[in-house]
PDB file of N, CA and C in Angstrom:
ATOM      1  N   MET A   1      87.744 138.544 115.183  1.00  0.00           N
ATOM      2  CA  MET A   1      87.069 137.663 114.442  1.00  0.00           C
ATOM      3  C   MET A   1      87.855 137.028 113.157  1.00  0.00           C
ATOM      4  N   ASN A   2      88.458 137.946 112.859  1.00  0.00           N
ATOM      5  CA  ASN A   2      88.885 137.831 111.288  1.00  0.00           C
ATOM      6  C   ASN A   2      90.033 137.461 111.519  1.00  0.00           C
ATOM      7  N   LYS A   3      90.966 137.816 112.973  1.00  0.00           N
ATOM      8  CA  LYS A   3      92.272 137.177 113.152  1.00  0.00           C
ATOM      9  C   LYS A   3      92.345 135.553 113.533  1.00  0.00           C
ATOM     10  N   ILE A   4      91.236 134.850 113.823  1.00  0.00           N
ATOM     11  CA  ILE A   4      90.746 133.804 113.986  1.00  0.00           C
ATOM     12  C   ILE A   4      90.546 132.826 112.623  1.00  0.00           C
ATOM     13  N   ILE A   5      90.187 133.701 112.117  1.00  0.00           N
ATOM     14  CA  ILE A   5      90.020 133.294 110.227  1.00  0.00           C
ATOM     15  C   ILE A   5      90.831 132.945 110.030  1.00  0.00           C
ATOM     16  N   LEU A   6      91.879 133.908 110.092  1.00  0.00           N
ATOM     17  CA  LEU A   6      92.916 134.119 109.248  1.00  0.00           C
ATOM     18  C   LEU A   6      94.048 133.103 109.665  1.00  0.00           C
ATOM     19  N   ALA A   7      94.077 132.917 111.318  1.00  0.00           N
ATOM     20  CA  ALA A   7      95.107 131.993 111.608  1.00  0.00           C
ATOM     21  C   ALA A   7      94.516 130.521 111.381  1.00  0.00           C
ATOM     22  N   LEU A   8      93.349 129.952 111.321  1.00  0.00           N
ATOM     23  CA  LEU A   8      92.752 128.632 110.952  1.00  0.00           C
ATOM     24  C   LEU A   8      92.968 128.663 109.418  1.00  0.00           C
ATOM     25  N   ALA A   9      93.183 129.428 108.467  1.00  0.00           N
ATOM     26  CA  ALA A   9      93.096 129.741 106.958  1.00  0.00           C
ATOM     27  C   ALA A   9      95.318 128.689 106.769  1.00  0.00           C
ATOM     28  N   LEU A  10      95.343 129.744 107.538  1.00  0.00           N
ATOM     29  CA  LEU A  10      97.383 129.876 107.565  1.00  0.00           C
ATOM     30  C   LEU A  10      97.830 128.941 108.070  1.00  0.00           C
ATOM     31  N   SER A  11      97.083 127.520 109.052  1.00  0.00           N
ATOM     32  CA  SER A  11      97.056 126.706 109.480  1.00  0.00           C
ATOM     33  C   SER A  11      97.280 125.581 108.714  1.00  0.00           C
ATOM     34  N   LEU A  12      96.153 125.968 108.289  1.00  0.00           N
ATOM     35  CA  LEU A  12      95.150 124.681 107.089  1.00  0.00           C
ATOM     36  C   LEU A  12      96.257 123.725 106.944  1.00  0.00           C
ATOM     37  N   PRO A  13      97.116 124.300 105.786  1.00  0.00           N
ATOM     38  CA  PRO A  13      98.293 123.826 105.537  1.00  0.00           C
ATOM     39  C   PRO A  13      99.327 122.393 106.031  1.00  0.00           C
ATOM     40  N   PHE A  14      99.440 123.112 107.476  1.00  0.00           N
ATOM     41  CA  PHE A  14     100.183 122.051 107.997  1.00  0.00           C
ATOM     42  C   PHE A  14      99.759 120.783 108.828  1.00  0.00           C
ATOM     43  N   VAL A  15      97.970 121.167 109.085  1.00  0.00           N
ATOM     44  CA  VAL A  15      97.050 120.058 109.459  1.00  0.00           C
ATOM     45  C   VAL A  15      96.814 119.053 108.745  1.00  0.00           C
ATOM     46  N   THR A  16      97.305 119.738 106.909  1.00  0.00           N
ATOM     47  CA  THR A  16      96.927 118.365 106.405  1.00  0.00           C
ATOM     48  C   THR A  16      97.855 117.405 106.334  1.00  0.00           C
ATOM     49  N   ALA A  17      99.418 118.461 106.090  1.00  0.00           N
ATOM     50  CA  ALA A  17     100.648 117.406 105.636  1.00  0.00           C
ATOM     51  C   ALA A  17     100.638 116.828 106.503  1.00  0.00           C
ATOM     52  N   THR A  18     100.620 116.709 108.171  1.00  0.00           N
ATOM     53  CA  THR A  18     100.378 116.532 109.012  1.00  0.00           C
ATOM     54  C   THR A  18      99.679 115.264 109.421  1.00  0.00           C
ATOM     55  N   ALA A  19      98.183 115.040 108.933  1.00  0.00           N
ATOM     56  CA  ALA A  19      97.475 114.448 109.034  1.00  0.00           C
ATOM     57  C   ALA A  19      97.689 113.028 107.468  1.00  0.00           C
ATOM     58  N   ASN A  20      98.374 113.240 106.734  1.00  0.00           N
ATOM     59  CA  ASN A  20      98.627 112.756 105.829  1.00  0.00           C
ATOM     60  C   ASN A  20     100.190 112.374 106.023  1.00  0.00           C
ATOM     61  N   ALA A  21     100.998 112.317 106.870  1.00  0.00           N
ATOM     62  CA  ALA A  21     102.140 112.374 106.975  1.00  0.00           C
ATOM     63  C   ALA A  21     102.905 110.853 106.579  1.00  0.00           C
ATOM     64  N   ALA A  22     103.510 109.658 105.827  1.00  0.00           N
ATOM     65  CA  ALA A  22     103.746 108.697 105.836  1.00  0.00           C
ATOM     66  C   ALA A  22     103.813 107.963 107.415  1.00  0.00           C
ATOM     67  N   PRO A  23     102.995 106.623 108.026  1.00  0.00           N
ATOM     68  CA  PRO A  23     103.422 106.058 108.651  1.00  0.00           C
ATOM     69  C   PRO A  23     104.586 105.574 108.630  1.00  0.00           C
ATOM     70  N   ALA A  24     105.106 105.017 109.950  1.00  0.00           N
ATOM     71  CA  ALA A  24     106.826 104.210 109.794  1.00  0.00           C
ATOM     72  C   ALA A  24     107.010 103.260 109.018  1.00  0.00           C
ATOM     73  N   LYS A  25     105.647 102.683 108.902  1.00  0.00           N
ATOM     74  CA  LYS A  25     105.821 100.958 107.678  1.00  0.00           C
ATOM     75  C   LYS A  25     105.974 101.541 106.703  1.00  0.00           C
ATOM     76  N   ALA A  26     105.444 102.598 105.780  1.00  0.00           N
ATOM     77  CA  ALA A  26     104.864 102.653 104.668  1.00  0.00           C
ATOM     78  C   ALA A  26     106.736 102.855 103.492  1.00  0.00           C
ATOM     79  N   PRO A  27     107.604 103.118 103.953  1.00  0.00           N
ATOM     80  CA  PRO A  27     108.616 103.033 103.304  1.00  0.00           C
ATOM     81  C   PRO A  27     108.905 101.425 102.835  1.00  0.00           C
ATOM     82  N   ILE A  28     108.189 100.546 103.873  1.00  0.00           N
ATOM     83  CA  ILE A  28     108.570  99.059 103.327  1.00  0.00           C
ATOM     84  C   ILE A  28     107.438  98.952 102.429  1.00  0.00           C
ATOM     85  N   CYS A  29     106.513  99.091 102.292  1.00  0.00           N
ATOM     86  CA  CYS A  29     105.447  98.956 101.580  1.00  0.00           C
ATOM     87  C   CYS A  29     106.043  99.793 100.111  1.00  0.00           C
ATOM     88  N   ALA A  30     106.641 100.520 100.058  1.00  0.00           N
ATOM     89  CA  ALA A  30     107.111 101.564  98.811  1.00  0.00           C
ATOM     90  C   ALA A  30     108.070 101.220  98.416  1.00  0.00           C
ATOM     91  N   ALA A  31     108.216  99.705  98.733  1.00  0.00           N
ATOM     92  CA  ALA A  31     109.688  99.119  98.044  1.00  0.00           C
ATOM     93  C   ALA A  31     109.509  98.320  96.887  1.00  0.00           C
ATOM     94  N   CYS A  32     107.925  98.251  97.291  1.00  0.00           N
ATOM     95  CA  CYS A  32     107.177  97.312  96.176  1.00  0.00           C
ATOM     96  C   CYS A  32     105.788  97.989  95.138  1.00  0.00           C
ATOM     97  N   HIS A  33     105.787  98.605  96.147  1.00  0.00           N
ATOM     98  CA  HIS A  33     104.312  99.499  96.161  1.00  0.00           C
ATOM     99  C   HIS A  33     104.153 100.757  95.527  1.00  0.00           C
ATOM    100  N   GLY A  34     105.634 101.562  95.534  1.00  0.00           N
ATOM    101  CA  GLY A  34     106.261 102.341  95.159  1.00  0.00           C
ATOM    102  C   GLY A  34     106.123 103.490  96.171  1.00  0.00           C
ATOM    103  N   ALA A  35     106.814 104.850  96.305  1.00  0.00           N
ATOM    104  CA  ALA A  35     106.292 105.668  97.147  1.00  0.00           C
ATOM    105  C   ALA A  35     105.136 106.727  97.201  1.00  0.00           C
ATOM    106  N   ASP A  36     104.636 106.646  95.802  1.00  0.00           N
ATOM    107  CA  ASP A  36     103.299 107.048  95.774  1.00  0.00           C
ATOM    108  C   ASP A  36     101.952 106.080  95.083  1.00  0.00           C
ATOM    109  N   GLY A  37     102.464 104.758  95.702  1.00  0.00           N
ATOM    110  CA  GLY A  37     101.242 104.312  96.128  1.00  0.00           C
ATOM    111  C   GLY A  37     100.972 103.385  94.156  1.00  0.00           C
ATOM    112  N   ILE A  38     101.857 103.949  93.684  1.00  0.00           N
ATOM    113  CA  ILE A  38     102.103 103.068  92.107  1.00  0.00           C
ATOM    114  C   ILE A  38     102.853 101.452  92.268  1.00  0.00           C
ATOM    115  N   GLY A  39     102.129 100.540  91.481  1.00  0.00           N
ATOM    116  CA  GLY A  39     103.186  99.774  91.619  1.00  0.00           C
ATOM    117  C   GLY A  39     104.566  99.622  90.967  1.00  0.00           C
ATOM    118  N   THR A  40     106.045  98.864  91.661  1.00  0.00           N
ATOM    119  CA  THR A  40     107.059  99.596  91.050  1.00  0.00           C
ATOM    120  C   THR A  40     107.174  98.476  89.699  1.00  0.00           C
ATOM    121  N   THR A  41     106.130  97.619  89.106  1.00  0.00           N
ATOM    122  CA  THR A  41     106.264  96.547  88.247  1.00  0.00           C
ATOM    123  C   THR A  41     104.416  96.230  88.101  1.00  0.00           C
ATOM    124  N   ALA A  42     104.346  95.089  87.524  1.00  0.00           N
ATOM    125  CA  ALA A  42     103.202  94.879  87.190  1.00  0.00           C
ATOM    126  C   ALA A  42     102.755  94.216  87.744  1.00  0.00           C
ATOM    127  N   ASP A  43     103.810  93.268  88.625  1.00  0.00           N
ATOM    128  CA  ASP A  43     103.258  91.800  89.549  1.00  0.00           C
ATOM    129  C   ASP A  43     102.819  92.855  90.763  1.00  0.00           C
ATOM    130  N   TYR A  44     103.246  93.965  90.791  1.00  0.00           N
ATOM    131  CA  TYR A  44     102.974  94.998  92.246  1.00  0.00           C
ATOM    132  C   TYR A  44     101.688  95.421  92.622  1.00  0.00           C
ATOM    133  N   PRO A  45     100.999  95.209  92.773  1.00  0.00           N
ATOM    134  CA  PRO A  45      99.329  96.210  92.514  1.00  0.00           C
ATOM    135  C   PRO A  45      99.483  97.974  93.725  1.00  0.00           C
ATOM    136  N   ASN A  46      99.020  98.769  92.459  1.00  0.00           N
ATOM    137  CA  ASN A  46      99.197 100.077  92.898  1.00  0.00           C
ATOM    138  C   ASN A  46      98.052  99.990  94.226  1.00  0.00           C
ATOM    139  N   LEU A  47      98.000 100.635  95.197  1.00  0.00           N
ATOM    140  CA  LEU A  47      97.594 100.610  96.515  1.00  0.00           C
ATOM    141  C   LEU A  47      96.768 102.826  96.513  1.00  0.00           C
ATOM    142  N   ALA A  48      97.351 103.112  95.934  1.00  0.00           N
ATOM    143  CA  ALA A  48      97.011 104.290  96.014  1.00  0.00           C
ATOM    144  C   ALA A  48      95.615 104.671  95.783  1.00  0.00           C
ATOM    145  N   GLY A  49      94.655 105.875  96.378  1.00  0.00           N
ATOM    146  CA  GLY A  49      93.090 105.600  95.902  1.00  0.00           C
ATOM    147  C   GLY A  49      93.086 104.045  95.876  1.00  0.00           C
ATOM    148  N   GLN A  50      93.192 103.309  96.979  1.00  0.00           N
ATOM    149  CA  GLN A  50      92.452 102.198  96.963  1.00  0.00           C
ATOM    150  C   GLN A  50      91.313 102.183  98.370  1.00  0.00           C
ATOM    151  N   LYS A  51      90.425 102.240  98.435  1.00  0.00           N
ATOM    152  CA  LYS A  51      89.421 101.736  99.485  1.00  0.00           C
ATOM    153  C   LYS A  51      90.133 101.619 100.750  1.00  0.00           C
ATOM    154  N   GLU A  52      90.109 102.439 101.884  1.00  0.00           N
ATOM    155  CA  GLU A  52      90.274 101.860 102.955  1.00  0.00           C
ATOM    156  C   GLU A  52      90.010 100.811 103.734  1.00  0.00           C
ATOM    157  N   ALA A  53      88.851 100.381 103.692  1.00  0.00           N
ATOM    158  CA  ALA A  53      88.667  99.133 103.934  1.00  0.00           C
ATOM    159  C   ALA A  53      88.736  98.279 103.677  1.00  0.00           C
ATOM    160  N   TYR A  54      88.770  97.873 101.774  1.00  0.00           N
ATOM    161  CA  TYR A  54      89.448  97.007 101.002  1.00  0.00           C
ATOM    162  C   TYR A  54      91.191  96.893 101.960  1.00  0.00           C
ATOM    163  N   LEU A  55      91.703  97.683 102.014  1.00  0.00           N
ATOM    164  CA  LEU A  55      93.330  97.473 102.074  1.00  0.00           C
ATOM    165  C   LEU A  55      93.351  96.901 104.006  1.00  0.00           C
ATOM    166  N   VAL A  56      92.544  97.576 104.904  1.00  0.00           N
ATOM    167  CA  VAL A  56      92.526  96.591 105.831  1.00  0.00           C
ATOM    168  C   VAL A  56      92.156  95.663 105.580  1.00  0.00           C
ATOM    169  N   LYS A  57      90.752  95.004 105.316  1.00  0.00           N
ATOM    170  CA  LYS A  57      90.508  93.718 104.904  1.00  0.00           C
ATOM    171  C   LYS A  57      91.832  92.457 104.391  1.00  0.00           C
ATOM    172  N   ALA A  58      92.091  93.175 103.661  1.00  0.00           N
ATOM    173  CA  ALA A  58      93.595  92.545 102.924  1.00  0.00           C
ATOM    174  C   ALA A  58      94.886  91.878 103.453  1.00  0.00           C
ATOM    175  N   LEU A  59      95.264  93.745 104.380  1.00  0.00           N
ATOM    176  CA  LEU A  59      96.023  93.192 105.643  1.00  0.00           C
ATOM    177  C   LEU A  59      95.980  92.171 106.299  1.00  0.00           C
ATOM    178  N   GLU A  60      94.751  92.918 107.068  1.00  0.00           N
ATOM    179  CA  GLU A  60      94.552  91.162 108.163  1.00  0.00           C
ATOM    180  C   GLU A  60      94.445  90.266 107.206  1.00  0.00           C
ATOM    181  N   ALA A  61      93.836  90.015 106.209  1.00  0.00           N
ATOM    182  CA  ALA A  61      93.731  88.285 105.671  1.00  0.00           C
ATOM    183  C   ALA A  61      95.054  87.692 105.370  1.00  0.00           C
ATOM    184  N   TYR A  62      96.428  88.714 105.080  1.00  0.00           N
ATOM    185  CA  TYR A  62      97.328  88.380 104.666  1.00  0.00           C
ATOM    186  C   TYR A  62      98.166  87.867 106.155  1.00  0.00           C
ATOM    187  N   ARG A  63      97.597  89.016 107.296  1.00  0.00           N
ATOM    188  CA  ARG A  63      98.517  88.538 108.188  1.00  0.00           C
ATOM    189  C   ARG A  63      98.060  87.149 109.058  1.00  0.00           C
ATOM    190  N   ALA A  64      96.704  87.189 108.716  1.00  0.00           N
ATOM    191  CA  ALA A  64      95.997  85.343 108.493  1.00  0.00           C
ATOM    192  C   ALA A  64      96.506  84.343 108.064  1.00  0.00           C
ATOM    193  N   LYS A  65      97.198  84.967 107.198  1.00  0.00           N
ATOM    194  CA  LYS A  65      97.335  83.913 105.904  1.00  0.00           C
ATOM    195  C   LYS A  65      96.321  83.438 105.135  1.00  0.00           C
ATOM    196  N   GLN A  66      95.396  84.113 105.231  1.00  0.00           N
ATOM    197  CA  GLN A  66      94.116  83.734 104.516  1.00  0.00           C
ATOM    198  C   GLN A  66      93.868  83.640 103.109  1.00  0.00           C
ATOM    199  N   ARG A  67      94.652  84.696 102.735  1.00  0.00           N
ATOM    200  CA  ARG A  67      95.373  85.159 101.073  1.00  0.00           C
ATOM    201  C   ARG A  67      96.291  83.796 100.845  1.00  0.00           C
ATOM    202  N   SER A  68      95.700  83.479  99.292  1.00  0.00           N
ATOM    203  CA  SER A  68      97.516  82.475  98.811  1.00  0.00           C
ATOM    204  C   SER A  68      97.119  83.411  97.664  1.00  0.00           C
ATOM    205  N   GLY A  69      98.589  82.070  96.707  1.00  0.00           N
ATOM    206  CA  GLY A  69      98.241  82.840  95.752  1.00  0.00           C
ATOM    207  C   GLY A  69      99.048  84.002  95.431  1.00  0.00           C
ATOM    208  N   GLY A  70      99.914  83.784  94.136  1.00  0.00           N
ATOM    209  CA  GLY A  70     100.863  85.152  93.569  1.00  0.00           C
ATOM    210  C   GLY A  70     102.454  85.665  95.057  1.00  0.00           C
ATOM    211  N   LEU A  71     102.093  86.941  94.922  1.00  0.00           N
ATOM    212  CA  LEU A  71     103.456  86.258  96.052  1.00  0.00           C
ATOM    213  C   LEU A  71     102.342  86.858  97.440  1.00  0.00           C
ATOM    214  N   ALA A  72     101.985  86.239  97.523  1.00  0.00           N
ATOM    215  CA  ALA A  72     101.115  86.021  99.444  1.00  0.00           C
ATOM    216  C   ALA A  72     101.983  86.326  99.805  1.00  0.00           C
ATOM    217  N   MET A  73     102.634  85.309  99.822  1.00  0.00           N
ATOM    218  CA  MET A  73     104.537  84.727 100.990  1.00  0.00           C
ATOM    219  C   MET A  73     104.840  85.341 101.615  1.00  0.00           C
ATOM    220  N   VAL A  74     105.216  86.731 100.196  1.00  0.00           N
ATOM    221  CA  VAL A  74     105.564  87.993 100.611  1.00  0.00           C
ATOM    222  C   VAL A  74     104.792  88.608 101.630  1.00  0.00           C
ATOM    223  N   MET A  75     103.392  88.835 101.435  1.00  0.00           N
ATOM    224  CA  MET A  75     102.566  89.648 101.879  1.00  0.00           C
ATOM    225  C   MET A  75     102.504  88.978 103.407  1.00  0.00           C
ATOM    226  N   GLN A  76     102.535  87.969 103.572  1.00  0.00           N
ATOM    227  CA  GLN A  76     102.252  87.581 103.963  1.00  0.00           C
ATOM    228  C   GLN A  76     103.755  87.394 105.711  1.00  0.00           C
ATOM    229  N   ALA A  77     104.172  87.491 105.019  1.00  0.00           N
ATOM    230  CA  ALA A  77     105.513  87.794 105.732  1.00  0.00           C
ATOM    231  C   ALA A  77     105.403  89.465 106.624  1.00  0.00           C
ATOM    232  N   GLN A  78     105.345  90.382 105.840  1.00  0.00           N
ATOM    233  CA  GLN A  78     105.272  91.464 106.230  1.00  0.00           C
ATOM    234  C   GLN A  78     103.954  92.307 107.010  1.00  0.00           C
ATOM    235  N   ALA A  79     102.620  91.252 106.618  1.00  0.00           N
ATOM    236  CA  ALA A  79     101.662  91.781 107.200  1.00  0.00           C
ATOM    237  C   ALA A  79     101.808  91.471 108.996  1.00  0.00           C
ATOM    238  N   ALA A  80     102.569  89.837 108.887  1.00  0.00           N
ATOM    239  CA  ALA A  80     102.809  89.250 110.167  1.00  0.00           C
ATOM    240  C   ALA A  80     103.811  90.188 111.643  1.00  0.00           C
ATOM    241  N   SER A  81     103.617  91.363 110.765  1.00  0.00           N
ATOM    242  CA  SER A  81     104.367  92.075 111.686  1.00  0.00           C
ATOM    243  C   SER A  81     103.754  93.730 112.067  1.00  0.00           C
ATOM    244  N   LEU A  82     102.396  93.447 111.759  1.00  0.00           N
ATOM    245  CA  LEU A  82     102.006  94.558 111.457  1.00  0.00           C
ATOM    246  C   LEU A  82     101.072  94.325 112.867  1.00  0.00           C
ATOM    247  N   THR A  83     100.711  95.759 113.757  1.00  0.00           N
ATOM    248  CA  THR A  83      99.709  95.919 114.508  1.00  0.00           C
ATOM    249  C   THR A  83      98.103  96.610 113.464  1.00  0.00           C
ATOM    250  N   ASN A  84      96.957  96.075 114.506  1.00  0.00           N
ATOM    251  CA  ASN A  84      96.287  96.733 113.925  1.00  0.00           C
ATOM    252  C   ASN A  84      96.406  98.527 113.715  1.00  0.00           C
ATOM    253  N   GLU A  85      97.045  98.461 115.131  1.00  0.00           N
ATOM    254  CA  GLU A  85      96.696  99.973 114.485  1.00  0.00           C
ATOM    255  C   GLU A  85      97.869 100.635 113.604  1.00  0.00           C
ATOM    256  N   GLU A  86      98.645  99.764 112.819  1.00  0.00           N
ATOM    257  CA  GLU A  86      99.915 100.103 112.156  1.00  0.00           C
ATOM    258  C   GLU A  86      98.933  99.733 110.253  1.00  0.00           C
ATOM    259  N   ILE A  87      98.034  98.628 110.508  1.00  0.00           N
ATOM    260  CA  ILE A  87      97.018  98.706 109.612  1.00  0.00           C
ATOM    261  C   ILE A  87      96.184  99.709 109.306  1.00  0.00           C
ATOM    262  N   ALA A  88      95.794  99.693 110.054  1.00  0.00           N
ATOM    263  CA  ALA A  88      94.926 101.066 110.256  1.00  0.00           C
ATOM    264  C   ALA A  88      95.595 102.760 109.014  1.00  0.00           C
ATOM    265  N   GLU A  89      96.612 102.280 109.617  1.00  0.00           N
ATOM    266  CA  GLU A  89      97.382 104.030 109.501  1.00  0.00           C
ATOM    267  C   GLU A  89      97.777 103.888 107.679  1.00  0.00           C
ATOM    268  N   LEU A  90      98.426 102.502 107.626  1.00  0.00           N
ATOM    269  CA  LEU A  90      98.607 102.353 106.322  1.00  0.00           C
ATOM    270  C   LEU A  90      96.837 102.143 105.086  1.00  0.00           C
ATOM    271  N   ALA A  91      97.096 101.964 105.901  1.00  0.00           N
ATOM    272  CA  ALA A  91      95.375 101.388 105.089  1.00  0.00           C
ATOM    273  C   ALA A  91      94.314 103.184 104.860  1.00  0.00           C
ATOM    274  N   ALA A  92      94.396 104.138 105.959  1.00  0.00           N
ATOM    275  CA  ALA A  92      94.314 105.591 105.666  1.00  0.00           C
ATOM    276  C   ALA A  92      95.113 106.249 104.586  1.00  0.00           C
ATOM    277  N   TYR A  93      96.483 106.283 104.642  1.00  0.00           N
ATOM    278  CA  TYR A  93      97.797 107.115 103.821  1.00  0.00           C
ATOM    279  C   TYR A  93      97.456 106.509 102.687  1.00  0.00           C
ATOM    280  N   PHE A  94      97.731 105.011 102.092  1.00  0.00           N
ATOM    281  CA  PHE A  94      97.346 104.563 100.870  1.00  0.00           C
ATOM    282  C   PHE A  94      96.035 105.326 100.232  1.00  0.00           C
ATOM    283  N   ALA A  95      94.789 105.352 101.154  1.00  0.00           N
ATOM    284  CA  ALA A  95      93.665 106.005 100.483  1.00  0.00           C
ATOM    285  C   ALA A  95      93.589 107.128 100.735  1.00  0.00           C
ATOM    286  N   ALA A  96      94.260 107.824 101.300  1.00  0.00           N
ATOM    287  CA  ALA A  96      94.264 109.026 100.939  1.00  0.00           C
ATOM    288  C   ALA A  96      95.193 109.876  99.813  1.00  0.00           C
ATOM    289  N   MET A  97      95.966 108.647  99.282  1.00  0.00           N
ATOM    290  CA  MET A  97      96.564 109.338  97.857  1.00  0.00           C
ATOM    291  C   MET A  97      95.793 109.485  96.337  1.00  0.00           C
TER     292      MET A  97
END
C-alpha cells in the first residue's frame, strides 16, 4: 500500500505538467497575449486566469464574427481557423494560468 501511495505521489508532478502543457495553437496567442498569458501591450488583454467559459464564448464569438471593435478583425482571423476542440484546449490552458 505504501509503495502505491509513493508511486502516485512521485508521478503527480508529471501528470500535472502534462495536463497543463500548452496546446499547439498557444504560441500564436502568445504573440500578442504573452507566453504567460499577460498581454504584451496595453492593447492586448490578459488571458491568464480568465474564466474558461468566458474564453470559450469569446473565441466562438470572434469565429462567428459576432464581436467587433478594437482589434476584433485580428481576432476574427485567428479564431476562424480554430476547431471547437482547439478553442476548449486554449480556454482551459489560459484559465489554468
